[in-house]
Amino acid sequence: MGLQIKEPLLFTLVTISLISITKLLHSYFSIPFSPSNLSIAIATLIFVLISYKFSSSSIKHSSTTLPPGPLSVPIFGNWLQVGNDLNHRLLASMSQTYGPVFLLKLGSKNLVVVSDPELATQVLHAQGVEFGSRPRNVVFDIFTGNGQDMVFTVYGDHWRKMRRIMTLPFFTNKVVHNYSNMWEEEMDLVVRDLNVNERVRSEGIVIRRRLQLMLYNIMYRMMFDAKFESQEDPLFIQATRFNSERSRLAQSFEYNYGDFIPLLRPFLRGYLNKCKDLQSRRLAFFNTHYVEKRRYSFSVLSLYNTKHLFI
């Protein structure tokens, strides 16, 4: 016979755990441990427990329609079992236990894992419209203007508009023909730099950084008609630093837990402020060094064409 815990005792145990977690967050993330923060967390906990009680009966009836998966715990779901790294090896090993389609609960969100090739084809191709939208989150809402880019937006009119904006200037046959010489030039420069570098012959070098410069120059020449002179170019160093910092914040341990577990969102303020500060500095960098200069060039070219039209 299973062990049954009365609701008042369960609430007391969870409250004690909450206080312990709050103190742990205070010591690990330097979050102020104040009565106001604790009261917000306890109020959220009460709401979660009430919601769980009223929804438990409906979950029992609907659980038979959900895919199989590991047993989850309240609030955290399967996070304590899978950790913060959902790599393909872990998911493949779990599919051996739970089948080609299984369910993981990460906090308040459900994640369905498909590992069968035929089913994956159905999800990614045959029914791509239904599964084409990516769920938004608090961090990428900051970095993408509330999901206004093409990656983190709902499939629909806006997505199709953004696809046209991305396709026409970069991926049409005309663009490929116009920029093919420039692409070859940038690749030739990589080969030339390696040939004149003595370290290549004596020690060998890691060319990842030089290839990164090549890709940046190709993109920036197409978008802004500008390029970086070398890997030591201050603008190149600044641009790569912004992108590295953005990737680090977007893949952070802190953000994942706060986004999937609403109980922890009050503790995300400092982290989200870092994201907002980075985004504002990044946009200022592009506006100052590239966007405004590009607009000025277009305005001069338009004025030049207008004058010649009336001559």
C-alpha atoms as a PDB file:
ATOM      1  CA  MET A   1       0.000   0.000   0.000  1.00  0.00           C
ATOM      2  CA  GLY A   2       1.400   3.363  -1.012  1.00  0.00           C
ATOM      3  CA  LEU A   3       2.235   6.124   1.426  1.00  0.00           C
ATOM      4  CA  GLN A   4      -0.364   8.928   1.498  1.00  0.00           C
ATOM      5  CA  ILE A   5       0.557  12.432   2.657  1.00  0.00           C
ATOM      6  CA  LYS A   6      -2.162  14.732   3.945  1.00  0.00           C
ATOM      7  CA  GLU A   7      -2.500  18.074   2.130  1.00  0.00           C
ATOM      8  CA  PRO A   8      -1.584  20.307   5.152  1.00  0.00           C
ATOM      9  CA  LEU A   9       1.571  18.252   5.733  1.00  0.00           C
ATOM     10  CA  LEU A  10       2.398  18.394   2.009  1.00  0.00           C
ATOM     11  CA  PHE A  11       1.969  22.168   2.004  1.00  0.00           C
ATOM     12  CA  THR A  12       4.223  22.500   5.064  1.00  0.00           C
ATOM     13  CA  LEU A  13       6.946  20.333   3.519  1.00  0.00           C
ATOM     14  CA  VAL A  14       6.840  22.218   0.228  1.00  0.00           C
ATOM     15  CA  THR A  15       6.946  25.584   2.043  1.00  0.00           C
ATOM     16  CA  ILE A  16      10.039  24.502   3.997  1.00  0.00           C
ATOM     17  CA  SER A  17      11.617  23.352   0.736  1.00  0.00           C
ATOM     18  CA  LEU A  18      10.747  26.693  -0.859  1.00  0.00           C
ATOM     19  CA  ILE A  19      12.456  28.624   1.916  1.00  0.00           C
ATOM     20  CA  SER A  20      15.546  26.422   1.538  1.00  0.00           C
ATOM     21  CA  ILE A  21      15.597  26.956  -2.231  1.00  0.00           C
ATOM     22  CA  THR A  22      15.216  30.716  -1.746  1.00  0.00           C
ATOM     23  CA  LYS A  23      18.198  30.794   0.608  1.00  0.00           C
ATOM     24  CA  LEU A  24      20.193  28.662  -1.821  1.00  0.00           C
ATOM     25  CA  LEU A  25      19.403  31.075  -4.658  1.00  0.00           C
ATOM     26  CA  HIS A  26      20.439  33.927  -2.382  1.00  0.00           C
ATOM     27  CA  SER A  27      23.832  32.363  -1.727  1.00  0.00           C
ATOM     28  CA  TYR A  28      24.448  31.153  -5.310  1.00  0.00           C
ATOM     29  CA  PHE A  29      23.109  34.055  -7.406  1.00  0.00           C
ATOM     30  CA  SER A  30      23.495  36.861  -4.801  1.00  0.00           C
ATOM     31  CA  ILE A  31      19.724  37.454  -4.875  1.00  0.00           C
ATOM     32  CA  PRO A  32      18.438  39.627  -2.013  1.00  0.00           C
ATOM     33  CA  PHE A  33      16.658  37.458   0.565  1.00  0.00           C
ATOM     34  CA  SER A  34      13.953  39.852   1.684  1.00  0.00           C
ATOM     35  CA  PRO A  35      10.443  39.275   3.099  1.00  0.00           C
ATOM     36  CA  SER A  36       8.929  40.724  -0.080  1.00  0.00           C
ATOM     37  CA  ASN A  37      10.717  38.182  -2.285  1.00  0.00           C
ATOM     38  CA  LEU A  38       9.711  35.355   0.027  1.00  0.00           C
ATOM     39  CA  SER A  39       6.066  36.491   0.153  1.00  0.00           C
ATOM     40  CA  ILE A  40       5.919  36.589  -3.669  1.00  0.00           C
ATOM     41  CA  ALA A  41       7.320  33.075  -3.858  1.00  0.00           C
ATOM     42  CA  ILE A  42       4.913  31.723  -1.209  1.00  0.00           C
ATOM     43  CA  ALA A  43       1.926  33.348  -2.925  1.00  0.00           C
ATOM     44  CA  THR A  44       3.008  31.746  -6.185  1.00  0.00           C
ATOM     45  CA  LEU A  45       3.346  28.406  -4.423  1.00  0.00           C
ATOM     46  CA  ILE A  46      -0.195  28.655  -3.017  1.00  0.00           C
ATOM     47  CA  PHE A  47      -1.532  29.400  -6.480  1.00  0.00           C
ATOM     48  CA  VAL A  48       0.374  26.407  -7.913  1.00  0.00           C
ATOM     49  CA  LEU A  49      -0.953  24.031  -5.237  1.00  0.00           C
ATOM     50  CA  ILE A  50      -4.535  25.223  -5.691  1.00  0.00           C
ATOM     51  CA  SER A  51      -4.261  24.896  -9.457  1.00  0.00           C
ATOM     52  CA  TYR A  52      -2.738  21.451  -9.063  1.00  0.00           C
ATOM     53  CA  LYS A  53      -5.584  20.319  -6.790  1.00  0.00           C
ATOM     54  CA  PHE A  54      -8.335  21.524  -9.114  1.00  0.00           C
ATOM     55  CA  SER A  55      -6.636  20.120 -12.220  1.00  0.00           C
ATOM     56  CA  SER A  56      -5.582  16.775 -10.754  1.00  0.00           C
ATOM     57  CA  SER A  57      -8.903  15.114 -11.501  1.00  0.00           C
ATOM     58  CA  SER A  58      -8.855  16.224 -15.157  1.00  0.00           C
ATOM     59  CA  ILE A  59      -5.222  15.114 -15.508  1.00  0.00           C
ATOM     60  CA  LYS A  60      -6.157  11.627 -14.322  1.00  0.00           C
ATOM     61  CA  HIS A  61      -8.804  11.351 -17.032  1.00  0.00           C
ATOM     62  CA  SER A  62      -6.586  12.752 -19.815  1.00  0.00           C
ATOM     63  CA  SER A  63      -3.320  11.009 -18.860  1.00  0.00           C
ATOM     64  CA  THR A  64      -4.205   7.965 -20.947  1.00  0.00           C
ATOM     65  CA  THR A  65      -4.079  10.083 -24.128  1.00  0.00           C
ATOM     66  CA  LEU A  66      -0.558  11.431 -23.460  1.00  0.00           C
ATOM     67  CA  PRO A  67       2.613   9.699 -24.678  1.00  0.00           C
ATOM     68  CA  PRO A  68       4.531   7.611 -22.121  1.00  0.00           C
ATOM     69  CA  GLY A  69       7.423   9.120 -20.251  1.00  0.00           C
ATOM     70  CA  PRO A  70       9.348   9.144 -16.971  1.00  0.00           C
ATOM     71  CA  LEU A  71       7.480   9.924 -13.771  1.00  0.00           C
ATOM     72  CA  SER A  72       7.540  13.665 -13.048  1.00  0.00           C
ATOM     73  CA  VAL A  73       7.490  15.540  -9.760  1.00  0.00           C
ATOM     74  CA  PRO A  74       5.331  18.619  -9.013  1.00  0.00           C
ATOM     75  CA  ILE A  75       6.691  22.034 -10.086  1.00  0.00           C
ATOM     76  CA  PHE A  76       9.985  20.698 -11.510  1.00  0.00           C
ATOM     77  CA  GLY A  77       8.615  17.898 -13.697  1.00  0.00           C
ATOM     78  CA  ASN A  78      11.463  15.780 -15.130  1.00  0.00           C
ATOM     79  CA  TRP A  79      14.097  18.495 -14.831  1.00  0.00           C
ATOM     80  CA  LEU A  80      15.819  16.847 -11.892  1.00  0.00           C
ATOM     81  CA  GLN A  81      16.155  13.648 -13.956  1.00  0.00           C
ATOM     82  CA  VAL A  82      17.360  15.039 -17.293  1.00  0.00           C
ATOM     83  CA  GLY A  83      19.359  18.006 -15.999  1.00  0.00           C
ATOM     84  CA  ASN A  84      20.060  21.122 -18.042  1.00  0.00           C
ATOM     85  CA  ASP A  85      21.495  19.405 -21.140  1.00  0.00           C
ATOM     86  CA  LEU A  86      18.985  17.650 -23.415  1.00  0.00           C
ATOM     87  CA  ASN A  87      21.618  16.172 -25.730  1.00  0.00           C
ATOM     88  CA  HIS A  88      20.738  13.674 -28.444  1.00  0.00           C
ATOM     89  CA  ARG A  89      22.472  10.764 -26.693  1.00  0.00           C
ATOM     90  CA  LEU A  90      20.336  11.167 -23.583  1.00  0.00           C
ATOM     91  CA  LEU A  91      17.128  11.412 -25.621  1.00  0.00           C
ATOM     92  CA  ALA A  92      18.117   8.376 -27.722  1.00  0.00           C
ATOM     93  CA  SER A  93      18.717   6.287 -24.606  1.00  0.00           C
ATOM     94  CA  MET A  94      15.366   7.367 -23.143  1.00  0.00           C
ATOM     95  CA  SER A  95      13.605   6.379 -26.387  1.00  0.00           C
ATOM     96  CA  GLN A  96      14.862   2.831 -25.825  1.00  0.00           C
ATOM     97  CA  THR A  97      12.880   2.785 -22.588  1.00  0.00           C
ATOM     98  CA  TYR A  98       9.754   4.796 -23.414  1.00  0.00           C
ATOM     99  CA  GLY A  99       9.395   4.242 -27.159  1.00  0.00           C
ATOM    100  CA  PRO A 100       9.773   6.388 -30.310  1.00  0.00           C
ATOM    101  CA  VAL A 101       7.399   9.065 -28.957  1.00  0.00           C
ATOM    102  CA  PHE A 102       7.612  10.044 -25.292  1.00  0.00           C
ATOM    103  CA  LEU A 103       6.762  12.977 -23.055  1.00  0.00           C
ATOM    104  CA  LEU A 104       9.029  15.057 -20.826  1.00  0.00           C
ATOM    105  CA  LYS A 105       7.668  17.666 -18.445  1.00  0.00           C
ATOM    106  CA  LEU A 106      10.081  20.566 -17.958  1.00  0.00           C
ATOM    107  CA  GLY A 107       8.555  22.666 -15.237  1.00  0.00           C
ATOM    108  CA  SER A 108       5.191  23.891 -16.492  1.00  0.00           C
ATOM    109  CA  LYS A 109       5.813  22.931 -20.140  1.00  0.00           C
ATOM    110  CA  ASN A 110       5.457  19.642 -21.981  1.00  0.00           C
ATOM    111  CA  LEU A 111       8.115  18.449 -24.418  1.00  0.00           C
ATOM    112  CA  VAL A 112       7.271  15.611 -26.828  1.00  0.00           C
ATOM    113  CA  VAL A 113      10.333  13.806 -28.191  1.00  0.00           C
ATOM    114  CA  VAL A 114      10.077  12.020 -31.567  1.00  0.00           C
ATOM    115  CA  SER A 115      12.939   9.642 -32.434  1.00  0.00           C
ATOM    116  CA  ASP A 116      11.400   7.525 -35.199  1.00  0.00           C
ATOM    117  CA  PRO A 117      12.523   8.587 -38.741  1.00  0.00           C
ATOM    118  CA  GLU A 118       9.073   8.181 -40.297  1.00  0.00           C
ATOM    119  CA  LEU A 119       7.358  10.107 -37.510  1.00  0.00           C
ATOM    120  CA  ALA A 120      10.045  12.802 -37.669  1.00  0.00           C
ATOM    121  CA  THR A 121       9.299  13.173 -41.390  1.00  0.00           C
ATOM    122  CA  GLN A 122       5.630  13.679 -40.556  1.00  0.00           C
ATOM    123  CA  VAL A 123       6.487  16.366 -37.984  1.00  0.00           C
ATOM    124  CA  LEU A 124       9.125  18.241 -39.988  1.00  0.00           C
ATOM    125  CA  HIS A 125       7.804  17.866 -43.524  1.00  0.00           C
ATOM    126  CA  ALA A 126       4.320  16.454 -44.046  1.00  0.00           C
ATOM    127  CA  GLN A 127       2.810  18.495 -41.190  1.00  0.00           C
ATOM    128  CA  GLY A 128       5.457  21.203 -41.081  1.00  0.00           C
ATOM    129  CA  VAL A 129       2.873  24.002 -40.915  1.00  0.00           C
ATOM    130  CA  GLU A 130       1.370  22.672 -37.672  1.00  0.00           C
ATOM    131  CA  PHE A 131       4.798  22.216 -36.078  1.00  0.00           C
ATOM    132  CA  GLY A 132       6.549  25.181 -37.700  1.00  0.00           C
ATOM    133  CA  SER A 133       6.179  27.651 -34.820  1.00  0.00           C
ATOM    134  CA  ARG A 134       8.743  27.862 -32.053  1.00  0.00           C
ATOM    135  CA  PRO A 135       7.587  28.659 -28.526  1.00  0.00           C
ATOM    136  CA  ARG A 136       8.591  32.127 -27.375  1.00  0.00           C
ATOM    137  CA  ASN A 137      10.449  32.746 -24.133  1.00  0.00           C
ATOM    138  CA  VAL A 138      11.358  35.708 -21.975  1.00  0.00           C
ATOM    139  CA  VAL A 139      14.976  35.990 -23.155  1.00  0.00           C
ATOM    140  CA  PHE A 140      14.444  35.716 -26.905  1.00  0.00           C
ATOM    141  CA  ASP A 141      11.555  38.172 -26.622  1.00  0.00           C
ATOM    142  CA  ILE A 142      14.222  40.694 -25.578  1.00  0.00           C
ATOM    143  CA  PHE A 143      16.685  39.745 -28.320  1.00  0.00           C
ATOM    144  CA  THR A 144      14.080  39.508 -31.124  1.00  0.00           C
ATOM    145  CA  GLY A 145      11.697  42.373 -30.289  1.00  0.00           C
ATOM    146  CA  ASN A 146       8.922  40.119 -28.926  1.00  0.00           C
ATOM    147  CA  GLY A 147       9.363  37.469 -31.608  1.00  0.00           C
ATOM    148  CA  GLN A 148       9.573  39.776 -34.639  1.00  0.00           C
ATOM    149  CA  ASP A 149      12.328  37.809 -36.365  1.00  0.00           C
ATOM    150  CA  MET A 150      11.802  34.715 -38.534  1.00  0.00           C
ATOM    151  CA  VAL A 151      13.123  32.067 -36.126  1.00  0.00           C
ATOM    152  CA  PHE A 152      11.120  32.834 -32.992  1.00  0.00           C
ATOM    153  CA  THR A 153       7.806  33.855 -34.476  1.00  0.00           C
ATOM    154  CA  VAL A 154       4.488  32.098 -35.011  1.00  0.00           C
ATOM    155  CA  TYR A 155       4.003  30.641 -38.487  1.00  0.00           C
ATOM    156  CA  GLY A 156       1.673  32.915 -40.443  1.00  0.00           C
ATOM    157  CA  ASP A 157       1.623  36.181 -42.403  1.00  0.00           C
ATOM    158  CA  HIS A 158       4.452  37.758 -40.420  1.00  0.00           C
ATOM    159  CA  TRP A 159       6.641  34.651 -40.847  1.00  0.00           C
ATOM    160  CA  ARG A 160       6.055  34.654 -44.612  1.00  0.00           C
ATOM    161  CA  LYS A 161       6.848  38.370 -44.773  1.00  0.00           C
ATOM    162  CA  MET A 162      10.101  37.864 -42.882  1.00  0.00           C
ATOM    163  CA  ARG A 163      11.005  34.955 -45.147  1.00  0.00           C
ATOM    164  CA  ARG A 164      10.650  37.211 -48.194  1.00  0.00           C
ATOM    165  CA  ILE A 165      12.784  39.869 -46.506  1.00  0.00           C
ATOM    166  CA  MET A 166      15.480  37.275 -45.784  1.00  0.00           C
ATOM    167  CA  THR A 167      15.302  35.499 -49.146  1.00  0.00           C
ATOM    168  CA  LEU A 168      15.190  38.285 -51.726  1.00  0.00           C
ATOM    169  CA  PRO A 169      18.372  40.176 -50.696  1.00  0.00           C
ATOM    170  CA  PHE A 170      20.501  37.066 -50.055  1.00  0.00           C
ATOM    171  CA  PHE A 171      19.366  33.811 -51.652  1.00  0.00           C
ATOM    172  CA  THR A 172      17.946  34.443 -55.121  1.00  0.00           C
ATOM    173  CA  ASN A 173      19.790  33.396 -58.304  1.00  0.00           C
ATOM    174  CA  LYS A 174      20.440  37.051 -59.137  1.00  0.00           C
ATOM    175  CA  VAL A 175      22.068  37.678 -55.763  1.00  0.00           C
ATOM    176  CA  VAL A 176      24.195  34.550 -56.060  1.00  0.00           C
ATOM    177  CA  HIS A 177      25.380  35.684 -59.499  1.00  0.00           C
ATOM    178  CA  ASN A 178      26.134  39.255 -58.346  1.00  0.00           C
ATOM    179  CA  TYR A 179      28.051  38.265 -55.219  1.00  0.00           C
ATOM    180  CA  SER A 180      29.824  35.103 -56.386  1.00  0.00           C
ATOM    181  CA  ASN A 181      33.024  37.036 -57.199  1.00  0.00           C
ATOM    182  CA  MET A 182      33.013  38.603 -53.758  1.00  0.00           C
ATOM    183  CA  TRP A 183      32.599  35.201 -52.080  1.00  0.00           C
ATOM    184  CA  GLU A 184      35.507  33.790 -54.085  1.00  0.00           C
ATOM    185  CA  GLU A 185      37.599  36.837 -53.212  1.00  0.00           C
ATOM    186  CA  GLU A 186      37.050  36.341 -49.482  1.00  0.00           C
ATOM    187  CA  MET A 187      37.944  32.644 -49.758  1.00  0.00           C
ATOM    188  CA  ASP A 188      41.087  33.488 -51.714  1.00  0.00           C
ATOM    189  CA  LEU A 189      42.085  35.920 -48.968  1.00  0.00           C
ATOM    190  CA  VAL A 190      41.875  33.103 -46.415  1.00  0.00           C
ATOM    191  CA  VAL A 191      44.201  30.927 -48.520  1.00  0.00           C
ATOM    192  CA  ARG A 192      46.590  33.848 -49.039  1.00  0.00           C
ATOM    193  CA  ASP A 193      46.740  34.648 -45.319  1.00  0.00           C
ATOM    194  CA  LEU A 194      47.522  31.020 -44.535  1.00  0.00           C
ATOM    195  CA  ASN A 195      50.262  30.899 -47.167  1.00  0.00           C
ATOM    196  CA  VAL A 196      52.085  33.954 -45.832  1.00  0.00           C
ATOM    197  CA  ASN A 197      51.781  32.903 -42.189  1.00  0.00           C
ATOM    198  CA  GLU A 198      55.014  31.206 -41.087  1.00  0.00           C
ATOM    199  CA  ARG A 199      53.333  29.571 -38.110  1.00  0.00           C
ATOM    200  CA  VAL A 200      51.239  27.451 -40.477  1.00  0.00           C
ATOM    201  CA  ARG A 201      54.378  25.651 -41.700  1.00  0.00           C
ATOM    202  CA  SER A 202      56.207  25.417 -38.377  1.00  0.00           C
ATOM    203  CA  GLU A 203      53.529  24.972 -35.709  1.00  0.00           C
ATOM    204  CA  GLY A 204      50.131  24.827 -37.362  1.00  0.00           C
ATOM    205  CA  ILE A 205      47.229  27.074 -36.380  1.00  0.00           C
ATOM    206  CA  VAL A 206      43.525  26.799 -35.644  1.00  0.00           C
ATOM    207  CA  ILE A 207      41.805  28.512 -38.573  1.00  0.00           C
ATOM    208  CA  ARG A 208      38.369  28.792 -36.951  1.00  0.00           C
ATOM    209  CA  ARG A 209      38.908  32.463 -36.131  1.00  0.00           C
ATOM    210  CA  ARG A 210      40.040  33.230 -39.705  1.00  0.00           C
ATOM    211  CA  LEU A 211      37.010  31.418 -41.146  1.00  0.00           C
ATOM    212  CA  GLN A 212      34.817  33.403 -38.784  1.00  0.00           C
ATOM    213  CA  LEU A 213      36.307  36.625 -40.186  1.00  0.00           C
ATOM    214  CA  MET A 214      35.573  35.384 -43.718  1.00  0.00           C
ATOM    215  CA  LEU A 215      31.909  34.654 -42.907  1.00  0.00           C
ATOM    216  CA  TYR A 216      31.472  38.005 -41.144  1.00  0.00           C
ATOM    217  CA  ASN A 217      32.969  39.856 -44.110  1.00  0.00           C
ATOM    218  CA  ILE A 218      30.680  38.060 -46.558  1.00  0.00           C
ATOM    219  CA  MET A 219      27.591  38.925 -44.518  1.00  0.00           C
ATOM    220  CA  TYR A 220      28.602  42.506 -43.767  1.00  0.00           C
ATOM    221  CA  ARG A 221      29.557  43.228 -47.379  1.00  0.00           C
ATOM    222  CA  MET A 222      26.165  41.980 -48.516  1.00  0.00           C
ATOM    223  CA  MET A 223      24.193  43.817 -45.841  1.00  0.00           C
ATOM    224  CA  PHE A 224      26.177  47.012 -45.250  1.00  0.00           C
ATOM    225  CA  ASP A 225      28.780  47.144 -48.047  1.00  0.00           C
ATOM    226  CA  ALA A 226      31.467  47.110 -45.350  1.00  0.00           C
ATOM    227  CA  LYS A 227      34.131  44.681 -44.175  1.00  0.00           C
ATOM    228  CA  PHE A 228      36.629  44.104 -41.375  1.00  0.00           C
ATOM    229  CA  GLU A 229      40.311  44.565 -42.145  1.00  0.00           C
ATOM    230  CA  SER A 230      41.664  41.761 -39.985  1.00  0.00           C
ATOM    231  CA  GLN A 231      41.041  39.639 -36.912  1.00  0.00           C
ATOM    232  CA  GLU A 232      42.510  42.494 -34.839  1.00  0.00           C
ATOM    233  CA  ASP A 233      40.019  45.027 -36.220  1.00  0.00           C
ATOM    234  CA  PRO A 234      38.362  46.651 -33.159  1.00  0.00           C
ATOM    235  CA  LEU A 235      34.937  46.531 -34.815  1.00  0.00           C
ATOM    236  CA  PHE A 236      35.339  42.817 -35.567  1.00  0.00           C
ATOM    237  CA  ILE A 237      36.348  42.116 -31.979  1.00  0.00           C
ATOM    238  CA  GLN A 238      33.361  44.087 -30.718  1.00  0.00           C
ATOM    239  CA  ALA A 239      30.897  42.398 -33.092  1.00  0.00           C
ATOM    240  CA  THR A 240      32.043  38.880 -32.188  1.00  0.00           C
ATOM    241  CA  ARG A 241      32.004  39.766 -28.502  1.00  0.00           C
ATOM    242  CA  PHE A 242      28.377  40.907 -28.730  1.00  0.00           C
ATOM    243  CA  ASN A 243      27.355  37.678 -30.461  1.00  0.00           C
ATOM    244  CA  SER A 244      29.278  35.516 -27.976  1.00  0.00           C
ATOM    245  CA  GLU A 245      27.697  37.284 -25.024  1.00  0.00           C
ATOM    246  CA  ARG A 246      24.264  36.981 -26.597  1.00  0.00           C
ATOM    247  CA  SER A 247      24.710  33.230 -27.112  1.00  0.00           C
ATOM    248  CA  ARG A 248      25.963  32.791 -23.562  1.00  0.00           C
ATOM    249  CA  LEU A 249      22.976  34.598 -22.062  1.00  0.00           C
ATOM    250  CA  ALA A 250      20.493  32.809 -24.329  1.00  0.00           C
ATOM    251  CA  GLN A 251      21.823  29.390 -23.282  1.00  0.00           C
ATOM    252  CA  SER A 252      22.286  30.208 -19.636  1.00  0.00           C
ATOM    253  CA  PHE A 253      21.413  27.893 -16.753  1.00  0.00           C
ATOM    254  CA  GLU A 254      19.540  30.746 -15.049  1.00  0.00           C
ATOM    255  CA  TYR A 255      17.201  31.558 -17.928  1.00  0.00           C
ATOM    256  CA  ASN A 256      16.105  27.955 -18.574  1.00  0.00           C
ATOM    257  CA  TYR A 257      14.816  27.396 -15.071  1.00  0.00           C
ATOM    258  CA  GLY A 258      13.128  30.771 -14.838  1.00  0.00           C
ATOM    259  CA  ASP A 259      11.380  30.349 -18.185  1.00  0.00           C
ATOM    260  CA  PHE A 260      10.055  26.835 -17.559  1.00  0.00           C
ATOM    261  CA  ILE A 261       9.274  27.214 -13.862  1.00  0.00           C
ATOM    262  CA  PRO A 262       7.171  30.361 -13.271  1.00  0.00           C
ATOM    263  CA  LEU A 263       7.840  30.057  -9.535  1.00  0.00           C
ATOM    264  CA  LEU A 264      11.423  31.241 -10.158  1.00  0.00           C
ATOM    265  CA  ARG A 265      10.618  34.163 -12.479  1.00  0.00           C
ATOM    266  CA  PRO A 266      10.713  36.814  -9.703  1.00  0.00           C
ATOM    267  CA  PHE A 267      14.409  35.951  -9.318  1.00  0.00           C
ATOM    268  CA  LEU A 268      15.163  36.671 -12.996  1.00  0.00           C
ATOM    269  CA  ARG A 269      15.104  40.466 -12.839  1.00  0.00           C
ATOM    270  CA  GLY A 270      18.857  40.953 -12.657  1.00  0.00           C
ATOM    271  CA  TYR A 271      19.467  38.434 -15.427  1.00  0.00           C
ATOM    272  CA  LEU A 272      16.838  39.987 -17.728  1.00  0.00           C
ATOM    273  CA  ASN A 273      18.322  43.435 -17.106  1.00  0.00           C
ATOM    274  CA  LYS A 274      21.673  42.096 -18.375  1.00  0.00           C
ATOM    275  CA  CYS A 275      19.924  40.867 -21.541  1.00  0.00           C
ATOM    276  CA  LYS A 276      18.212  44.245 -22.091  1.00  0.00           C
ATOM    277  CA  ASP A 277      21.482  46.114 -21.560  1.00  0.00           C
ATOM    278  CA  LEU A 278      23.288  43.852 -24.046  1.00  0.00           C
ATOM    279  CA  GLN A 279      20.541  44.266 -26.644  1.00  0.00           C
ATOM    280  CA  SER A 280      20.560  48.065 -26.350  1.00  0.00           C
ATOM    281  CA  ARG A 281      24.384  48.196 -26.690  1.00  0.00           C
ATOM    282  CA  ARG A 282      24.294  45.785 -29.638  1.00  0.00           C
ATOM    283  CA  LEU A 283      21.648  47.810 -31.502  1.00  0.00           C
ATOM    284  CA  ALA A 284      23.565  51.036 -30.811  1.00  0.00           C
ATOM    285  CA  PHE A 285      26.710  49.414 -32.249  1.00  0.00           C
ATOM    286  CA  PHE A 286      24.962  48.447 -35.500  1.00  0.00           C
ATOM    287  CA  ASN A 287      23.157  51.788 -35.828  1.00  0.00           C
ATOM    288  CA  THR A 288      26.283  53.838 -35.245  1.00  0.00           C
ATOM    289  CA  HIS A 289      28.746  51.954 -37.429  1.00  0.00           C
ATOM    290  CA  TYR A 290      26.603  50.424 -40.162  1.00  0.00           C
ATOM    291  CA  VAL A 291      22.881  51.223 -40.414  1.00  0.00           C
ATOM    292  CA  GLU A 292      23.177  55.020 -40.420  1.00  0.00           C
ATOM    293  CA  LYS A 293      26.077  54.939 -42.892  1.00  0.00           C
ATOM    294  CA  ARG A 294      24.110  52.620 -45.149  1.00  0.00           C
ATOM    295  CA  ARG A 295      21.085  54.922 -45.040  1.00  0.00           C
ATOM    296  CA  TYR A 296      23.268  57.901 -45.845  1.00  0.00           C
ATOM    297  CA  SER A 297      24.767  56.082 -48.832  1.00  0.00           C
ATOM    298  CA  PHE A 298      21.313  55.211 -50.140  1.00  0.00           C
ATOM    299  CA  SER A 299      20.111  58.803 -49.711  1.00  0.00           C
ATOM    300  CA  VAL A 300      23.142  60.165 -51.611  1.00  0.00           C
ATOM    301  CA  LEU A 301      22.645  57.611 -54.378  1.00  0.00           C
ATOM    302  CA  SER A 302      18.942  58.430 -54.610  1.00  0.00           C
ATOM    303  CA  LEU A 303      19.694  62.168 -54.809  1.00  0.00           C
ATOM    304  CA  TYR A 304      22.321  61.535 -57.499  1.00  0.00           C
ATOM    305  CA  ASN A 305      19.883  59.469 -59.584  1.00  0.00           C
ATOM    306  CA  THR A 306      17.154  62.104 -59.181  1.00  0.00           C
ATOM    307  CA  LYS A 307      19.439  64.880 -60.445  1.00  0.00           C
ATOM    308  CA  HIS A 308      20.485  62.874 -63.489  1.00  0.00           C
ATOM    309  CA  LEU A 309      16.850  62.033 -64.208  1.00  0.00           C
ATOM    310  CA  PHE A 310      15.999  65.716 -64.766  1.00  0.00           C
ATOM    311  CA  ILE A 311      19.140  66.584 -66.740  1.00  0.00           C
END
